[in-house]
């Protein structure tokens, strides 16, 4: 059976990805959590004001904010490309 996994050092990220991750890694992880909680609070406010469509729209932002927070944390821990100078934990 053929092994299709990418081994360490076999592939590298491009400079655009590295520059984006360098910028976004400066954002504290708590900012993403705060954005998720804020979107939930705004959603509840819209729901209380009987603006159901807006409540659903804004309420769906929480999950992407939390996923971005996880990605941000992974970049801080492992870097975008561990083989080319990133910290390997």
PDB file of N, CA and C in Angstrom:
ATOM      1  N   UNK A   1       0.832  -1.176   0.000  1.00  0.00           N
ATOM      2  CA  UNK A   1       0.000   0.000   0.000  1.00  0.00           C
ATOM      3  C   UNK A   1       0.885   1.252   0.000  1.00  0.00           C
ATOM      4  N   UNK A   2       0.550   2.230  -0.807  1.00  0.00           N
ATOM      5  CA  UNK A   2       1.349   3.434  -0.954  1.00  0.00           C
ATOM      6  C   UNK A   2       1.060   4.419   0.169  1.00  0.00           C
ATOM      7  N   UNK A   3       2.113   5.025   0.712  1.00  0.00           N
ATOM      8  CA  UNK A   3       1.994   6.016   1.788  1.00  0.00           C
ATOM      9  C   UNK A   3       2.029   7.412   1.163  1.00  0.00           C
ATOM     10  N   UNK A   4       0.929   8.164   1.282  1.00  0.00           N
ATOM     11  CA  UNK A   4       0.829   9.487   0.662  1.00  0.00           C
ATOM     12  C   UNK A   4       1.052  10.633   1.651  1.00  0.00           C
ATOM     13  N   UNK A   5       1.460  10.335   2.866  1.00  0.00           N
ATOM     14  CA  UNK A   5       1.659  11.393   3.861  1.00  0.00           C
ATOM     15  C   UNK A   5       2.850  12.269   3.491  1.00  0.00           C
ATOM     16  N   UNK A   6       2.741  13.539   3.865  1.00  0.00           N
ATOM     17  CA  UNK A   6       3.836  14.480   3.659  1.00  0.00           C
ATOM     18  C   UNK A   6       4.770  14.379   4.852  1.00  0.00           C
ATOM     19  N   UNK A   7       6.048  14.155   4.603  1.00  0.00           N
ATOM     20  CA  UNK A   7       7.009  14.052   5.687  1.00  0.00           C
ATOM     21  C   UNK A   7       7.587  15.422   6.013  1.00  0.00           C
ATOM     22  N   UNK A   8       8.161  15.538   7.206  1.00  0.00           N
ATOM     23  CA  UNK A   8       8.732  16.800   7.667  1.00  0.00           C
ATOM     24  C   UNK A   8       9.820  17.273   6.705  1.00  0.00           C
ATOM     25  N   UNK A   9       9.710  18.534   6.274  1.00  0.00           N
ATOM     26  CA  UNK A   9      10.689  19.110   5.367  1.00  0.00           C
ATOM     27  C   UNK A   9      10.404  18.870   3.904  1.00  0.00           C
ATOM     28  N   UNK A  10       9.381  18.094   3.582  1.00  0.00           N
ATOM     29  CA  UNK A  10       9.073  17.768   2.191  1.00  0.00           C
ATOM     30  C   UNK A  10       8.358  18.920   1.477  1.00  0.00           C
ATOM     31  N   UNK A  11       7.506  19.649   2.195  1.00  0.00           N
ATOM     32  CA  UNK A  11       6.748  20.748   1.592  1.00  0.00           C
ATOM     33  C   UNK A  11       6.901  21.987   2.464  1.00  0.00           C
ATOM     34  N   UNK A  12       6.882  23.151   1.829  1.00  0.00           N
ATOM     35  CA  UNK A  12       7.022  24.407   2.559  1.00  0.00           C
ATOM     36  C   UNK A  12       5.888  25.354   2.191  1.00  0.00           C
ATOM     37  N   UNK A  13       5.536  26.226   3.155  1.00  0.00           N
ATOM     38  CA  UNK A  13       4.531  27.253   2.900  1.00  0.00           C
ATOM     39  C   UNK A  13       5.158  28.384   2.087  1.00  0.00           C
ATOM     40  N   UNK A  14       4.299  29.118   1.369  1.00  0.00           N
ATOM     41  CA  UNK A  14       4.807  30.234   0.586  1.00  0.00           C
ATOM     42  C   UNK A  14       4.963  31.479   1.464  1.00  0.00           C
ATOM     43  N   UNK A  15       5.533  32.534   0.895  1.00  0.00           N
ATOM     44  CA  UNK A  15       5.808  33.756   1.646  1.00  0.00           C
ATOM     45  C   UNK A  15       4.537  34.505   2.025  1.00  0.00           C
ATOM     46  N   UNK A  16       3.495  34.388   1.226  1.00  0.00           N
ATOM     47  CA  UNK A  16       2.233  35.066   1.551  1.00  0.00           C
ATOM     48  C   UNK A  16       1.654  34.473   2.828  1.00  0.00           C
ATOM     49  N   UNK A  17       1.628  33.155   2.920  1.00  0.00           N
ATOM     50  CA  UNK A  17       1.123  32.498   4.125  1.00  0.00           C
ATOM     51  C   UNK A  17       1.964  32.873   5.329  1.00  0.00           C
ATOM     52  N   UNK A  18       3.272  32.869   5.170  1.00  0.00           N
ATOM     53  CA  UNK A  18       4.166  33.201   6.276  1.00  0.00           C
ATOM     54  C   UNK A  18       3.948  34.638   6.745  1.00  0.00           C
ATOM     55  N   UNK A  19       3.755  35.581   5.826  1.00  0.00           N
ATOM     56  CA  UNK A  19       3.564  36.975   6.229  1.00  0.00           C
ATOM     57  C   UNK A  19       2.210  37.189   6.898  1.00  0.00           C
ATOM     58  N   UNK A  20       1.176  36.510   6.416  1.00  0.00           N
ATOM     59  CA  UNK A  20      -0.136  36.608   7.052  1.00  0.00           C
ATOM     60  C   UNK A  20      -0.063  36.047   8.466  1.00  0.00           C
ATOM     61  N   UNK A  21       0.575  34.899   8.623  1.00  0.00           N
ATOM     62  CA  UNK A  21       0.665  34.275   9.930  1.00  0.00           C
ATOM     63  C   UNK A  21       1.540  35.082  10.882  1.00  0.00           C
ATOM     64  N   UNK A  22       2.551  35.747  10.376  1.00  0.00           N
ATOM     65  CA  UNK A  22       3.376  36.597  11.234  1.00  0.00           C
ATOM     66  C   UNK A  22       2.545  37.756  11.781  1.00  0.00           C
ATOM     67  N   UNK A  23       1.683  38.328  10.941  1.00  0.00           N
ATOM     68  CA  UNK A  23       0.829  39.427  11.371  1.00  0.00           C
ATOM     69  C   UNK A  23      -0.248  38.945  12.336  1.00  0.00           C
ATOM     70  N   UNK A  24      -0.957  37.872  11.978  1.00  0.00           N
ATOM     71  CA  UNK A  24      -2.076  37.423  12.804  1.00  0.00           C
ATOM     72  C   UNK A  24      -1.625  36.768  14.106  1.00  0.00           C
ATOM     73  N   UNK A  25      -0.395  36.281  14.173  1.00  0.00           N
ATOM     74  CA  UNK A  25       0.075  35.675  15.419  1.00  0.00           C
ATOM     75  C   UNK A  25       0.262  36.717  16.516  1.00  0.00           C
ATOM     76  N   UNK A  26       0.270  37.984  16.159  1.00  0.00           N
ATOM     77  CA  UNK A  26       0.387  39.051  17.147  1.00  0.00           C
ATOM     78  C   UNK A  26      -0.946  39.345  17.831  1.00  0.00           C
ATOM     79  N   UNK A  27      -2.043  38.815  17.298  1.00  0.00           N
ATOM     80  CA  UNK A  27      -3.356  39.007  17.899  1.00  0.00           C
ATOM     81  C   UNK A  27      -3.499  38.022  19.058  1.00  0.00           C
ATOM     82  N   UNK A  28      -3.860  38.504  20.247  1.00  0.00           N
ATOM     83  CA  UNK A  28      -4.009  37.571  21.366  1.00  0.00           C
ATOM     84  C   UNK A  28      -5.157  36.597  21.137  1.00  0.00           C
ATOM     85  N   UNK A  29      -4.991  35.386  21.616  1.00  0.00           N
ATOM     86  CA  UNK A  29      -6.024  34.368  21.446  1.00  0.00           C
ATOM     87  C   UNK A  29      -7.328  34.771  22.125  1.00  0.00           C
ATOM     88  N   UNK A  30      -7.231  35.533  23.197  1.00  0.00           N
ATOM     89  CA  UNK A  30      -8.434  35.968  23.905  1.00  0.00           C
ATOM     90  C   UNK A  30      -9.292  36.898  23.048  1.00  0.00           C
ATOM     91  N   UNK A  31      -8.703  37.536  22.047  1.00  0.00           N
ATOM     92  CA  UNK A  31      -9.475  38.414  21.161  1.00  0.00           C
ATOM     93  C   UNK A  31     -10.487  37.604  20.350  1.00  0.00           C
ATOM     94  N   UNK A  32     -10.101  36.415  19.929  1.00  0.00           N
ATOM     95  CA  UNK A  32     -11.020  35.569  19.170  1.00  0.00           C
ATOM     96  C   UNK A  32     -12.154  35.065  20.055  1.00  0.00           C
ATOM     97  N   UNK A  33     -11.822  34.717  21.299  1.00  0.00           N
ATOM     98  CA  UNK A  33     -12.853  34.289  22.242  1.00  0.00           C
ATOM     99  C   UNK A  33     -13.808  35.441  22.531  1.00  0.00           C
ATOM    100  N   UNK A  34     -13.279  36.640  22.722  1.00  0.00           N
ATOM    101  CA  UNK A  34     -14.120  37.809  22.974  1.00  0.00           C
ATOM    102  C   UNK A  34     -15.026  38.098  21.779  1.00  0.00           C
ATOM    103  N   UNK A  35     -14.502  37.956  20.574  1.00  0.00           N
ATOM    104  CA  UNK A  35     -15.325  38.183  19.372  1.00  0.00           C
ATOM    105  C   UNK A  35     -16.457  37.162  19.279  1.00  0.00           C
ATOM    106  N   UNK A  36     -16.169  35.905  19.638  1.00  0.00           N
ATOM    107  CA  UNK A  36     -17.209  34.872  19.613  1.00  0.00           C
ATOM    108  C   UNK A  36     -18.288  35.169  20.646  1.00  0.00           C
ATOM    109  N   UNK A  37     -17.876  35.523  21.847  1.00  0.00           N
ATOM    110  CA  UNK A  37     -18.848  35.845  22.894  1.00  0.00           C
ATOM    111  C   UNK A  37     -19.653  37.087  22.541  1.00  0.00           C
ATOM    112  N   UNK A  38     -19.005  38.075  21.951  1.00  0.00           N
ATOM    113  CA  UNK A  38     -19.714  39.290  21.543  1.00  0.00           C
ATOM    114  C   UNK A  38     -20.739  38.985  20.460  1.00  0.00           C
ATOM    115  N   UNK A  39     -20.388  38.133  19.518  1.00  0.00           N
ATOM    116  CA  UNK A  39     -21.353  37.803  18.469  1.00  0.00           C
ATOM    117  C   UNK A  39     -22.558  37.062  19.045  1.00  0.00           C
ATOM    118  N   UNK A  40     -22.323  36.235  20.052  1.00  0.00           N
ATOM    119  CA  UNK A  40     -23.451  35.558  20.706  1.00  0.00           C
ATOM    120  C   UNK A  40     -24.333  36.556  21.450  1.00  0.00           C
ATOM    121  N   UNK A  41     -23.717  37.518  22.126  1.00  0.00           N
ATOM    122  CA  UNK A  41     -24.488  38.530  22.857  1.00  0.00           C
ATOM    123  C   UNK A  41     -25.299  39.403  21.906  1.00  0.00           C
ATOM    124  N   UNK A  42     -24.696  39.798  20.806  1.00  0.00           N
ATOM    125  CA  UNK A  42     -25.417  40.598  19.813  1.00  0.00           C
ATOM    126  C   UNK A  42     -26.549  39.780  19.207  1.00  0.00           C
ATOM    127  N   UNK A  43     -26.318  38.503  18.983  1.00  0.00           N
ATOM    128  CA  UNK A  43     -27.357  37.631  18.449  1.00  0.00           C
ATOM    129  C   UNK A  43     -28.551  37.554  19.398  1.00  0.00           C
ATOM    130  N   UNK A  44     -28.272  37.412  20.688  1.00  0.00           N
ATOM    131  CA  UNK A  44     -29.354  37.372  21.681  1.00  0.00           C
ATOM    132  C   UNK A  44     -30.110  38.699  21.690  1.00  0.00           C
ATOM    133  N   UNK A  45     -29.382  39.791  21.542  1.00  0.00           N
ATOM    134  CA  UNK A  45     -30.030  41.107  21.504  1.00  0.00           C
ATOM    135  C   UNK A  45     -30.960  41.228  20.297  1.00  0.00           C
ATOM    136  N   UNK A  46     -30.497  40.776  19.153  1.00  0.00           N
ATOM    137  CA  UNK A  46     -31.343  40.799  17.963  1.00  0.00           C
ATOM    138  C   UNK A  46     -32.564  39.900  18.138  1.00  0.00           C
ATOM    139  N   UNK A  47     -32.358  38.761  18.760  1.00  0.00           N
ATOM    140  CA  UNK A  47     -33.475  37.840  18.977  1.00  0.00           C
ATOM    141  C   UNK A  47     -34.509  38.474  19.914  1.00  0.00           C
ATOM    142  N   UNK A  48     -34.045  39.161  20.954  1.00  0.00           N
ATOM    143  CA  UNK A  48     -34.950  39.835  21.885  1.00  0.00           C
ATOM    144  C   UNK A  48     -35.718  40.961  21.203  1.00  0.00           C
ATOM    145  N   UNK A  49     -35.081  41.579  20.200  1.00  0.00           N
ATOM    146  CA  UNK A  49     -35.721  42.660  19.447  1.00  0.00           C
ATOM    147  C   UNK A  49     -36.574  42.117  18.300  1.00  0.00           C
ATOM    148  N   UNK A  50     -36.749  40.792  18.274  1.00  0.00           N
ATOM    149  CA  UNK A  50     -37.566  40.117  17.251  1.00  0.00           C
ATOM    150  C   UNK A  50     -37.032  40.323  15.832  1.00  0.00           C
ATOM    151  N   UNK A  51     -35.716  40.427  15.724  1.00  0.00           N
ATOM    152  CA  UNK A  51     -35.056  40.492  14.415  1.00  0.00           C
ATOM    153  C   UNK A  51     -34.351  39.150  14.198  1.00  0.00           C
ATOM    154  N   UNK A  52     -35.161  38.134  13.963  1.00  0.00           N
ATOM    155  CA  UNK A  52     -34.682  36.753  13.914  1.00  0.00           C
ATOM    156  C   UNK A  52     -33.640  36.518  12.825  1.00  0.00           C
ATOM    157  N   UNK A  53     -33.834  37.096  11.653  1.00  0.00           N
ATOM    158  CA  UNK A  53     -32.867  36.885  10.567  1.00  0.00           C
ATOM    159  C   UNK A  53     -31.490  37.421  10.939  1.00  0.00           C
ATOM    160  N   UNK A  54     -31.448  38.618  11.508  1.00  0.00           N
ATOM    161  CA  UNK A  54     -30.157  39.185  11.929  1.00  0.00           C
ATOM    162  C   UNK A  54     -29.567  38.380  13.082  1.00  0.00           C
ATOM    163  N   UNK A  55     -30.419  37.898  13.990  1.00  0.00           N
ATOM    164  CA  UNK A  55     -29.938  37.093  15.115  1.00  0.00           C
ATOM    165  C   UNK A  55     -29.251  35.825  14.612  1.00  0.00           C
ATOM    166  N   UNK A  56     -29.854  35.168  13.644  1.00  0.00           N
ATOM    167  CA  UNK A  56     -29.254  33.956  13.085  1.00  0.00           C
ATOM    168  C   UNK A  56     -27.965  34.273  12.334  1.00  0.00           C
ATOM    169  N   UNK A  57     -27.979  35.363  11.581  1.00  0.00           N
ATOM    170  CA  UNK A  57     -26.797  35.757  10.809  1.00  0.00           C
ATOM    171  C   UNK A  57     -25.608  36.036  11.724  1.00  0.00           C
ATOM    172  N   UNK A  58     -25.813  36.862  12.734  1.00  0.00           N
ATOM    173  CA  UNK A  58     -24.715  37.233  13.633  1.00  0.00           C
ATOM    174  C   UNK A  58     -24.339  36.068  14.540  1.00  0.00           C
ATOM    175  N   UNK A  59     -25.305  35.263  14.943  1.00  0.00           N
ATOM    176  CA  UNK A  59     -25.025  34.133  15.814  1.00  0.00           C
ATOM    177  C   UNK A  59     -24.133  33.091  15.167  1.00  0.00           C
ATOM    178  N   UNK A  60     -24.152  33.020  13.859  1.00  0.00           N
ATOM    179  CA  UNK A  60     -23.307  32.049  13.157  1.00  0.00           C
ATOM    180  C   UNK A  60     -21.850  32.491  13.067  1.00  0.00           C
ATOM    181  N   UNK A  61     -21.550  33.691  13.501  1.00  0.00           N
ATOM    182  CA  UNK A  61     -20.160  34.153  13.484  1.00  0.00           C
ATOM    183  C   UNK A  61     -19.325  33.531  14.590  1.00  0.00           C
ATOM    184  N   UNK A  62     -19.959  33.048  15.654  1.00  0.00           N
ATOM    185  CA  UNK A  62     -19.206  32.538  16.805  1.00  0.00           C
ATOM    186  C   UNK A  62     -18.279  31.389  16.419  1.00  0.00           C
ATOM    187  N   UNK A  63     -18.780  30.418  15.689  1.00  0.00           N
ATOM    188  CA  UNK A  63     -17.959  29.259  15.318  1.00  0.00           C
ATOM    189  C   UNK A  63     -16.730  29.643  14.488  1.00  0.00           C
ATOM    190  N   UNK A  64     -16.871  30.483  13.450  1.00  0.00           N
ATOM    191  CA  UNK A  64     -15.657  30.867  12.709  1.00  0.00           C
ATOM    192  C   UNK A  64     -14.636  31.615  13.566  1.00  0.00           C
ATOM    193  N   UNK A  65     -15.115  32.463  14.486  1.00  0.00           N
ATOM    194  CA  UNK A  65     -14.168  33.152  15.379  1.00  0.00           C
ATOM    195  C   UNK A  65     -13.408  32.150  16.240  1.00  0.00           C
ATOM    196  N   UNK A  66     -14.093  31.151  16.756  1.00  0.00           N
ATOM    197  CA  UNK A  66     -13.428  30.143  17.581  1.00  0.00           C
ATOM    198  C   UNK A  66     -12.456  29.297  16.750  1.00  0.00           C
ATOM    199  N   UNK A  67     -12.826  28.976  15.525  1.00  0.00           N
ATOM    200  CA  UNK A  67     -11.922  28.217  14.646  1.00  0.00           C
ATOM    201  C   UNK A  67     -10.685  29.044  14.308  1.00  0.00           C
ATOM    202  N   UNK A  68     -10.871  30.327  14.049  1.00  0.00           N
ATOM    203  CA  UNK A  68      -9.723  31.200  13.799  1.00  0.00           C
ATOM    204  C   UNK A  68      -8.818  31.277  15.027  1.00  0.00           C
ATOM    205  N   UNK A  69      -9.416  31.268  16.216  1.00  0.00           N
ATOM    206  CA  UNK A  69      -8.628  31.270  17.446  1.00  0.00           C
ATOM    207  C   UNK A  69      -7.796  30.013  17.586  1.00  0.00           C
ATOM    208  N   UNK A  70      -8.364  28.870  17.224  1.00  0.00           N
ATOM    209  CA  UNK A  70      -7.613  27.609  17.275  1.00  0.00           C
ATOM    210  C   UNK A  70      -6.469  27.644  16.269  1.00  0.00           C
ATOM    211  N   UNK A  71      -6.753  28.123  15.059  1.00  0.00           N
ATOM    212  CA  UNK A  71      -5.701  28.228  14.041  1.00  0.00           C
ATOM    213  C   UNK A  71      -4.587  29.159  14.523  1.00  0.00           C
ATOM    214  N   UNK A  72      -4.979  30.278  15.116  1.00  0.00           N
ATOM    215  CA  UNK A  72      -4.014  31.247  15.627  1.00  0.00           C
ATOM    216  C   UNK A  72      -3.120  30.595  16.685  1.00  0.00           C
ATOM    217  N   UNK A  73      -3.719  29.823  17.574  1.00  0.00           N
ATOM    218  CA  UNK A  73      -2.950  29.159  18.624  1.00  0.00           C
ATOM    219  C   UNK A  73      -1.995  28.124  18.029  1.00  0.00           C
ATOM    220  N   UNK A  74      -2.448  27.373  17.036  1.00  0.00           N
ATOM    221  CA  UNK A  74      -1.579  26.382  16.395  1.00  0.00           C
ATOM    222  C   UNK A  74      -0.395  27.038  15.694  1.00  0.00           C
ATOM    223  N   UNK A  75      -0.642  28.181  15.060  1.00  0.00           N
ATOM    224  CA  UNK A  75       0.452  28.892  14.391  1.00  0.00           C
ATOM    225  C   UNK A  75       1.466  29.376  15.427  1.00  0.00           C
ATOM    226  N   UNK A  76       0.970  29.847  16.571  1.00  0.00           N
ATOM    227  CA  UNK A  76       1.887  30.310  17.614  1.00  0.00           C
ATOM    228  C   UNK A  76       2.718  29.160  18.174  1.00  0.00           C
ATOM    229  N   UNK A  77       2.111  27.983  18.287  1.00  0.00           N
ATOM    230  CA  UNK A  77       2.819  26.844  18.866  1.00  0.00           C
ATOM    231  C   UNK A  77       3.758  26.186  17.856  1.00  0.00           C
ATOM    232  N   UNK A  78       3.258  25.923  16.642  1.00  0.00           N
ATOM    233  CA  UNK A  78       4.022  25.138  15.672  1.00  0.00           C
ATOM    234  C   UNK A  78       4.591  25.951  14.522  1.00  0.00           C
ATOM    235  N   UNK A  79       4.076  27.131  14.270  1.00  0.00           N
ATOM    236  CA  UNK A  79       4.505  27.894  13.106  1.00  0.00           C
ATOM    237  C   UNK A  79       3.860  27.346  11.852  1.00  0.00           C
ATOM    238  N   UNK A  80       3.921  28.115  10.773  1.00  0.00           N
ATOM    239  CA  UNK A  80       3.299  27.666   9.533  1.00  0.00           C
ATOM    240  C   UNK A  80       4.115  26.579   8.869  1.00  0.00           C
ATOM    241  N   UNK A  81       5.405  26.586   9.127  1.00  0.00           N
ATOM    242  CA  UNK A  81       6.287  25.624   8.472  1.00  0.00           C
ATOM    243  C   UNK A  81       7.398  25.267   9.434  1.00  0.00           C
ATOM    244  N   UNK A  82       7.187  24.260  10.224  1.00  0.00           N
ATOM    245  CA  UNK A  82       8.144  23.885  11.270  1.00  0.00           C
ATOM    246  C   UNK A  82       9.527  23.548  10.731  1.00  0.00           C
ATOM    247  N   UNK A  83       9.596  23.058   9.534  1.00  0.00           N
ATOM    248  CA  UNK A  83      10.883  22.640   8.976  1.00  0.00           C
ATOM    249  C   UNK A  83      11.784  23.821   8.649  1.00  0.00           C
ATOM    250  N   UNK A  84      11.204  25.010   8.429  1.00  0.00           N
ATOM    251  CA  UNK A  84      12.035  26.143   8.030  1.00  0.00           C
ATOM    252  C   UNK A  84      12.126  27.193   9.134  1.00  0.00           C
ATOM    253  N   UNK A  85      12.371  26.732  10.357  1.00  0.00           N
ATOM    254  CA  UNK A  85      12.638  27.689  11.422  1.00  0.00           C
ATOM    255  C   UNK A  85      11.554  27.835  12.458  1.00  0.00           C
ATOM    256  N   UNK A  86      10.415  27.206  12.279  1.00  0.00           N
ATOM    257  CA  UNK A  86       9.355  27.305  13.270  1.00  0.00           C
ATOM    258  C   UNK A  86       9.671  26.464  14.487  1.00  0.00           C
ATOM    259  N   UNK A  87       9.034  26.765  15.605  1.00  0.00           N
ATOM    260  CA  UNK A  87       9.230  26.000  16.822  1.00  0.00           C
ATOM    261  C   UNK A  87       8.477  24.695  16.709  1.00  0.00           C
ATOM    262  N   UNK A  88       9.112  23.627  17.043  1.00  0.00           N
ATOM    263  CA  UNK A  88       8.463  22.323  16.968  1.00  0.00           C
ATOM    264  C   UNK A  88       8.184  21.835  18.382  1.00  0.00           C
ATOM    265  N   UNK A  89       6.900  21.801  18.773  1.00  0.00           N
ATOM    266  CA  UNK A  89       6.558  21.395  20.142  1.00  0.00           C
ATOM    267  C   UNK A  89       6.138  19.948  20.205  1.00  0.00           C
TER     268      UNK A  89
END
